[in-house]
Amino acid sequence: MDYQEAGVDVEAGRAFVKQIRSLVEGTYRPEVLGRFGGFSGLFQLPGGYKEPVLVSGTDGVGTKLKLAQTLDRHDTVGIDLVAMCVNDVLTSGAEPLFFLDYLATGHLNSDQLAQVITGITQGCQMAGCALLGGETAEMPGFYQPNEYDLAGFCVGIVEKSQLLDGSQVQIGDRAIGLASSGVHSNGFSLVRKIVSDRGFTWGDRPDLLAGECLGDILLTPTQIYVKPILKALRSGFKIHAMSHITGGGLPENLPRCLGQEQSVKIDLNMWKTPPVFQWLADAGNVNSEAMFHTFNMGIGFVLIVAAEQTAEILEWFISEGFPAYAIGQIVTGTGEVIGLPS
């Protein structure tokens, strides 16, 4: 016997690494050292920092992968993977430096997985970070044919004096919501249950969604907010805290960026919920409270800013092509989000 008889094609693995080499090297920053394909990735810290703090994050794409695999479309989930990690790191005020991925499958399908890696490299370029390394694991018998799983890891950097940790937030600060690109990468277990249990298909074109294909809308990748927010920070705007709206929606994620004895009061009339969320609520008979506790509802990222700069910051993000809304303010409280459906 040999490894190939056991289901692991070593030669295909080597060929796959060669296939993705140019994609990976296309993400490199000047600080990347060493060569592609080593046992570890090498990265020299950028200069100009007095007290550099490294900020790390890790995440996956969840059961959105099931949708990609069902539709045999794998070019967007890599962007999701990067977005979920870099947006988290960004909330500390950190610039993402490098990214690593872990990709596991039962049998290495190089065409399929090359699409995934293409998405990952696109996401890294959107975030300005290097794809420094990764692991592709072929695990026969562990996954069904054409199934794979993804995990991502990101490291960023911030000057210690500029680290955002909630201590800068003040009563009276305003909450600015940046629009999401759609469902992003959370809540897909509920999405899939609605579609399967209520007799829909991914190819359906509901009137509420202006006749667009349901699968296309739901595969829209997670918005990456890194470049405009870093630009805003470097422009001197008084951003006191940030929150990435992921699993648990606004109720669970907004309190994570507040200080002691603070709450945030939200005005739901300040933005219009995208149609895809209304369709999910109607199709699945999901009440408003459950929707807000599961999905981002159109707000993918929140900035807590000084009240006097609210209008200027709103105008700036809109000019950068990122729809933004003044959705609330910081009030005295015990860490809750006030004004959401209950």
Protein backbone atom coordinates (compact mmCIF):
# COMPACT_ATOMS: atom_id res chain seq x y z
CA MET A 1 0.00 0.00 0.00
CA ASP A 2 0.92 3.66 -0.30
CA TYR A 3 -0.53 7.04 0.68
CA GLN A 4 -2.41 7.45 -2.62
CA GLU A 5 -4.20 4.11 -2.09
CA ALA A 6 -5.31 5.48 1.29
CA GLY A 7 -6.89 8.44 -0.52
CA VAL A 8 -4.19 11.12 -0.25
CA ASP A 9 -2.73 12.32 -3.55
CA VAL A 10 0.63 13.85 -2.61
CA GLU A 11 1.48 14.77 -6.20
CA ALA A 12 -1.82 16.60 -6.61
CA GLY A 13 -1.01 18.50 -3.45
CA ARG A 14 2.35 19.60 -4.83
CA ALA A 15 0.73 20.65 -8.10
CA PHE A 16 -1.89 22.66 -6.20
CA VAL A 17 0.80 24.57 -4.29
CA LYS A 18 2.47 25.47 -7.59
CA GLN A 19 -0.90 26.50 -9.03
CA ILE A 20 -1.58 29.05 -6.29
CA ARG A 21 1.95 30.39 -5.91
CA SER A 22 1.47 33.51 -8.06
CA LEU A 23 -1.87 34.29 -6.37
CA VAL A 24 -0.29 34.20 -2.91
CA GLU A 25 2.80 36.18 -3.88
CA GLY A 26 0.51 38.84 -5.37
CA THR A 27 -0.59 39.76 -1.83
CA TYR A 28 2.91 40.25 -0.41
CA ARG A 29 3.82 43.45 1.40
CA PRO A 30 7.39 44.78 1.61
CA GLU A 31 7.73 43.32 5.12
CA VAL A 32 7.35 39.71 3.92
CA LEU A 33 10.63 37.81 4.22
CA GLY A 34 11.68 34.39 3.02
CA ARG A 35 10.24 32.36 0.20
CA PHE A 36 6.88 30.86 -0.64
CA GLY A 37 6.38 27.28 0.53
CA GLY A 38 8.51 27.26 3.66
CA PHE A 39 7.53 25.69 6.98
CA SER A 40 6.57 29.11 8.38
CA GLY A 41 5.85 32.61 7.18
CA LEU A 42 8.28 35.40 8.00
CA PHE A 43 7.19 39.00 8.48
CA GLN A 44 9.27 41.96 9.61
CA LEU A 45 7.41 44.52 11.72
CA PRO A 46 6.95 47.82 9.87
CA GLY A 47 8.91 50.80 11.16
CA GLY A 48 7.61 53.99 12.72
CA TYR A 49 6.10 52.49 15.86
CA LYS A 50 7.25 53.50 19.35
CA GLU A 51 5.24 50.86 21.26
CA PRO A 52 3.79 48.45 18.69
CA VAL A 53 0.98 46.15 19.85
CA LEU A 54 0.16 43.04 17.84
CA VAL A 55 -3.55 42.24 17.51
CA SER A 56 -4.73 38.78 16.44
CA GLY A 57 -8.00 37.26 15.33
CA THR A 58 -9.38 34.02 13.95
CA ASP A 59 -12.71 33.02 12.39
CA GLY A 60 -14.41 30.92 9.75
CA VAL A 61 -17.26 31.23 7.26
CA GLY A 62 -19.75 28.91 8.97
CA THR A 63 -22.47 27.08 7.07
CA LYS A 64 -22.40 29.62 4.26
CA LEU A 65 -19.89 27.10 2.91
CA LYS A 66 -22.79 24.67 2.42
CA LEU A 67 -24.44 27.12 0.04
CA ALA A 68 -21.21 27.64 -1.92
CA GLN A 69 -20.71 23.89 -2.22
CA THR A 70 -24.32 23.25 -3.21
CA LEU A 71 -24.12 25.86 -5.98
CA ASP A 72 -20.54 24.85 -6.88
CA ARG A 73 -19.45 28.48 -6.59
CA HIS A 74 -16.32 28.96 -4.53
CA ASP A 75 -14.95 32.35 -5.60
CA THR A 76 -16.54 34.45 -2.83
CA VAL A 77 -16.18 32.48 0.41
CA GLY A 78 -12.45 33.24 0.52
CA ILE A 79 -13.32 36.95 0.67
CA ASP A 80 -15.73 36.14 3.51
CA LEU A 81 -12.98 34.30 5.37
CA VAL A 82 -10.59 37.25 5.22
CA ALA A 83 -13.33 39.77 6.02
CA MET A 84 -14.44 37.99 9.17
CA CYS A 85 -10.90 38.11 10.55
CA VAL A 86 -9.60 41.50 9.40
CA ASN A 87 -12.78 43.34 10.42
CA ASP A 88 -12.40 41.92 13.94
CA VAL A 89 -8.76 42.99 14.18
CA LEU A 90 -9.71 46.42 12.86
CA THR A 91 -11.98 47.12 15.85
CA SER A 92 -8.87 47.67 17.99
CA GLY A 93 -7.66 50.32 15.55
CA ALA A 94 -5.11 47.90 14.14
CA GLU A 95 -3.87 47.62 10.57
CA PRO A 96 -3.99 43.98 9.38
CA LEU A 97 -0.48 42.85 8.45
CA PHE A 98 -0.77 39.23 7.42
CA PHE A 99 -3.27 36.42 7.08
CA LEU A 100 -3.05 32.63 7.20
CA ASP A 101 -5.63 30.09 6.08
CA TYR A 102 -6.44 26.48 6.89
CA LEU A 103 -8.32 24.52 4.24
CA ALA A 104 -9.43 20.93 4.88
CA THR A 105 -11.10 18.59 2.41
CA GLY A 106 -11.71 14.89 1.85
CA HIS A 107 -10.22 14.87 -1.63
CA LEU A 108 -8.16 17.65 -3.19
CA ASN A 109 -10.11 19.17 -6.09
CA SER A 110 -7.56 21.66 -7.37
CA ASP A 111 -9.97 23.65 -9.57
CA GLN A 112 -12.47 24.04 -6.74
CA LEU A 113 -9.90 24.98 -4.12
CA ALA A 114 -8.06 27.33 -6.47
CA GLN A 115 -11.29 29.35 -6.61
CA VAL A 116 -11.29 29.49 -2.82
CA ILE A 117 -7.67 30.66 -2.70
CA THR A 118 -8.41 33.25 -5.39
CA GLY A 119 -11.09 34.69 -3.11
CA ILE A 120 -8.72 34.68 -0.15
CA THR A 121 -6.07 36.57 -2.12
CA GLN A 122 -8.69 39.08 -3.30
CA GLY A 123 -9.77 39.61 0.29
CA CYS A 124 -6.18 40.13 1.40
CA GLN A 125 -5.65 42.72 -1.32
CA MET A 126 -8.86 44.52 -0.26
CA ALA A 127 -7.55 44.61 3.31
CA GLY A 128 -3.96 45.43 2.38
CA CYS A 129 -2.52 42.41 4.17
CA ALA A 130 -0.26 39.62 2.97
CA LEU A 131 -1.34 35.99 2.64
CA LEU A 132 1.69 34.79 4.56
CA GLY A 133 1.00 31.09 4.75
CA GLY A 134 -1.56 28.34 4.96
CA GLU A 135 -2.30 24.67 5.23
CA THR A 136 -4.25 22.45 2.85
CA ALA A 137 -5.22 19.19 4.55
CA GLU A 138 -6.49 16.24 2.54
CA MET A 139 -8.46 13.99 4.93
CA PRO A 140 -10.14 11.03 3.17
CA GLY A 141 -13.28 9.79 4.86
CA PHE A 142 -13.61 12.86 7.06
CA TYR A 143 -15.56 15.02 4.58
CA GLN A 144 -18.14 14.14 1.95
CA PRO A 145 -17.13 14.45 -1.74
CA ASN A 146 -16.62 18.12 -2.78
CA GLU A 147 -16.92 19.30 0.83
CA TYR A 148 -14.28 21.47 2.47
CA ASP A 149 -13.90 23.61 5.56
CA LEU A 150 -12.07 26.89 6.10
CA ALA A 151 -10.46 28.74 8.99
CA GLY A 152 -8.60 32.03 8.89
CA PHE A 153 -6.07 33.76 11.13
CA CYS A 154 -4.98 37.40 11.04
CA VAL A 155 -2.38 39.53 12.83
CA GLY A 156 -2.44 43.33 12.84
CA ILE A 157 -0.52 46.15 14.48
CA VAL A 158 -1.41 49.35 16.32
CA GLU A 159 0.50 51.96 18.31
CA LYS A 160 -0.20 51.31 22.01
CA SER A 161 -1.29 54.91 22.59
CA GLN A 162 -3.86 54.57 19.77
CA LEU A 163 -5.29 51.21 20.83
CA LEU A 164 -9.10 51.25 21.02
CA ASP A 165 -10.36 49.26 24.02
CA GLY A 166 -13.59 51.00 25.08
CA SER A 167 -11.91 53.32 27.57
CA GLN A 168 -12.17 56.28 25.18
CA VAL A 169 -15.96 56.07 24.85
CA GLN A 170 -17.90 58.90 26.50
CA ILE A 171 -21.54 59.49 27.34
CA GLY A 172 -23.00 61.50 24.47
CA ASP A 173 -20.82 59.94 21.77
CA ARG A 174 -22.66 58.97 18.61
CA ALA A 175 -22.93 55.57 16.92
CA ILE A 176 -22.39 55.60 13.16
CA GLY A 177 -23.42 52.46 11.30
CA LEU A 178 -21.69 51.44 8.07
CA ALA A 179 -23.87 49.51 5.66
CA SER A 180 -23.39 45.78 5.24
CA SER A 181 -23.23 44.20 1.79
CA GLY A 182 -25.97 41.77 2.78
CA VAL A 183 -26.22 38.82 5.15
CA HIS A 184 -22.39 38.59 5.37
CA SER A 185 -21.34 35.26 6.99
CA ASN A 186 -23.63 34.80 9.97
CA GLY A 187 -27.02 33.17 10.44
CA PHE A 188 -26.76 30.74 7.55
CA SER A 189 -28.01 27.79 9.59
CA LEU A 190 -31.30 29.70 9.86
CA VAL A 191 -31.12 30.83 6.22
CA ARG A 192 -30.68 27.25 5.02
CA LYS A 193 -33.50 25.99 7.24
CA ILE A 194 -35.89 28.64 5.90
CA VAL A 195 -35.07 27.75 2.30
CA SER A 196 -35.27 23.98 2.79
CA ASP A 197 -38.26 23.80 5.15
CA ARG A 198 -40.42 26.29 3.25
CA GLY A 199 -39.90 24.71 -0.16
CA PHE A 200 -37.72 27.36 -1.77
CA THR A 201 -34.67 26.77 -3.95
CA TRP A 202 -31.47 28.77 -4.32
CA GLY A 203 -32.47 29.58 -7.88
CA ASP A 204 -35.74 31.26 -6.91
CA ARG A 205 -36.18 34.93 -7.79
CA PRO A 206 -38.57 36.45 -5.22
CA ASP A 207 -40.45 39.60 -6.19
CA LEU A 208 -39.29 41.25 -2.95
CA LEU A 209 -35.70 40.87 -4.15
CA ALA A 210 -36.46 42.55 -7.48
CA GLY A 211 -36.24 39.22 -9.27
CA GLU A 212 -32.60 38.61 -8.34
CA CYS A 213 -31.49 35.03 -7.79
CA LEU A 214 -31.68 34.05 -4.11
CA GLY A 215 -28.39 32.15 -4.21
CA ASP A 216 -26.55 35.08 -5.82
CA ILE A 217 -27.76 37.53 -3.18
CA LEU A 218 -26.90 35.24 -0.28
CA LEU A 219 -23.40 34.49 -1.63
CA THR A 220 -22.54 38.22 -1.74
CA PRO A 221 -19.28 38.37 0.25
CA THR A 222 -18.83 40.15 3.56
CA GLN A 223 -17.83 43.80 3.25
CA ILE A 224 -14.21 44.57 4.17
CA TYR A 225 -14.03 47.90 6.01
CA VAL A 226 -10.27 48.11 6.58
CA LYS A 227 -9.01 50.68 4.10
CA PRO A 228 -11.61 53.45 4.58
CA ILE A 229 -11.53 53.14 8.37
CA LEU A 230 -7.73 53.19 8.58
CA LYS A 231 -7.80 56.21 6.29
CA ALA A 232 -10.34 57.88 8.58
CA LEU A 233 -8.23 57.17 11.66
CA ARG A 234 -5.14 58.60 9.98
CA SER A 235 -7.13 61.67 8.93
CA GLY A 236 -7.58 62.60 12.58
CA PHE A 237 -11.26 61.80 13.08
CA LYS A 238 -12.16 61.14 16.72
CA ILE A 239 -13.19 57.50 16.55
CA HIS A 240 -13.44 56.22 20.13
CA ALA A 241 -14.45 52.59 19.52
CA MET A 242 -15.59 50.18 16.83
CA SER A 243 -17.74 47.06 16.62
CA HIS A 244 -17.92 44.39 13.91
CA ILE A 245 -21.55 43.21 13.68
CA THR A 246 -21.31 39.44 13.32
CA GLY A 247 -23.14 36.52 14.98
CA GLY A 248 -25.62 37.85 17.53
CA GLY A 249 -26.20 41.05 15.58
CA LEU A 250 -26.31 44.50 17.15
CA PRO A 251 -27.51 43.28 20.60
CA GLU A 252 -24.46 41.10 21.24
CA ASN A 253 -21.71 42.97 19.40
CA LEU A 254 -22.30 46.64 20.18
CA PRO A 255 -21.84 46.24 23.97
CA ARG A 256 -18.38 44.73 23.37
CA CYS A 257 -16.94 48.15 22.48
CA LEU A 258 -18.46 50.15 25.37
CA GLY A 259 -16.91 51.33 28.61
CA GLN A 260 -18.17 50.74 32.15
CA GLU A 261 -21.72 51.89 33.00
CA GLN A 262 -22.53 52.67 29.38
CA SER A 263 -25.25 51.58 26.99
CA VAL A 264 -26.11 52.52 23.42
CA LYS A 265 -29.54 53.79 22.38
CA ILE A 266 -30.42 52.90 18.78
CA ASP A 267 -32.91 54.63 16.47
CA LEU A 268 -34.22 52.04 14.01
CA ASN A 269 -35.65 54.76 11.78
CA MET A 270 -32.19 55.96 10.75
CA TRP A 271 -31.54 53.26 8.17
CA LYS A 272 -33.60 51.08 5.86
CA THR A 273 -33.25 47.33 6.33
CA PRO A 274 -32.21 45.69 3.01
CA PRO A 275 -34.92 43.58 1.31
CA VAL A 276 -33.10 40.27 1.84
CA PHE A 277 -33.75 40.50 5.59
CA GLN A 278 -37.42 41.25 5.08
CA TRP A 279 -37.65 38.26 2.74
CA LEU A 280 -36.03 35.98 5.35
CA ALA A 281 -38.37 37.26 8.06
CA ASP A 282 -41.48 36.76 5.89
CA ALA A 283 -40.43 33.40 4.40
CA GLY A 284 -39.42 31.92 7.75
CA ASN A 285 -42.01 33.70 9.91
CA VAL A 286 -39.12 35.01 12.03
CA ASN A 287 -40.02 37.74 14.53
CA SER A 288 -38.13 41.03 14.68
CA GLU A 289 -36.33 40.21 17.93
CA ALA A 290 -34.95 36.97 16.51
CA MET A 291 -33.92 38.71 13.29
CA PHE A 292 -31.88 41.33 15.16
CA HIS A 293 -30.28 38.65 17.36
CA THR A 294 -29.25 36.60 14.31
CA PHE A 295 -28.42 38.97 11.44
CA ASN A 296 -26.68 42.32 10.96
CA MET A 297 -29.92 43.80 9.51
CA GLY A 298 -28.01 46.07 7.16
CA ILE A 299 -25.37 47.42 9.57
CA GLY A 300 -22.07 45.58 9.21
CA PHE A 301 -19.78 47.80 11.29
CA VAL A 302 -20.33 50.51 13.90
CA LEU A 303 -18.11 53.45 14.85
CA ILE A 304 -18.47 55.27 18.17
CA VAL A 305 -17.41 58.85 17.48
CA ALA A 306 -17.24 62.26 19.16
CA ALA A 307 -20.63 63.96 18.87
CA GLU A 308 -19.25 67.14 17.33
CA GLN A 309 -17.71 65.22 14.41
CA THR A 310 -20.76 63.10 13.56
CA ALA A 311 -21.88 65.04 10.49
CA GLU A 312 -18.36 65.38 9.13
CA ILE A 313 -17.59 61.68 9.55
CA LEU A 314 -20.90 60.66 7.94
CA GLU A 315 -20.19 62.88 4.95
CA TRP A 316 -16.63 61.56 4.68
CA PHE A 317 -17.62 57.87 4.57
CA ILE A 318 -20.38 58.54 2.06
CA SER A 319 -17.85 60.37 -0.15
CA GLU A 320 -15.62 57.26 0.08
CA GLY A 321 -18.46 55.11 -1.27
CA PHE A 322 -19.51 53.60 2.08
CA PRO A 323 -23.15 54.34 3.03
CA ALA A 324 -23.22 55.49 6.67
CA TYR A 325 -25.98 56.36 9.11
CA ALA A 326 -26.17 58.07 12.50
CA ILE A 327 -27.94 55.22 14.26
CA GLY A 328 -27.68 56.10 17.97
CA GLN A 329 -25.82 57.53 20.91
CA ILE A 330 -24.05 56.43 24.08
CA VAL A 331 -26.06 56.81 27.29
CA THR A 332 -25.61 55.82 30.92
CA GLY A 333 -26.50 52.15 31.44
CA THR A 334 -25.33 48.64 32.11
CA GLY A 335 -24.11 47.50 28.70
CA GLU A 336 -27.38 46.91 26.88
CA VAL A 337 -28.58 48.05 23.45
CA ILE A 338 -31.73 50.13 23.90
CA GLY A 339 -34.38 50.57 21.22
CA LEU A 340 -34.27 47.19 19.49
CA PRO A 341 -37.33 44.93 19.12
CA SER A 342 -38.05 42.81 22.18
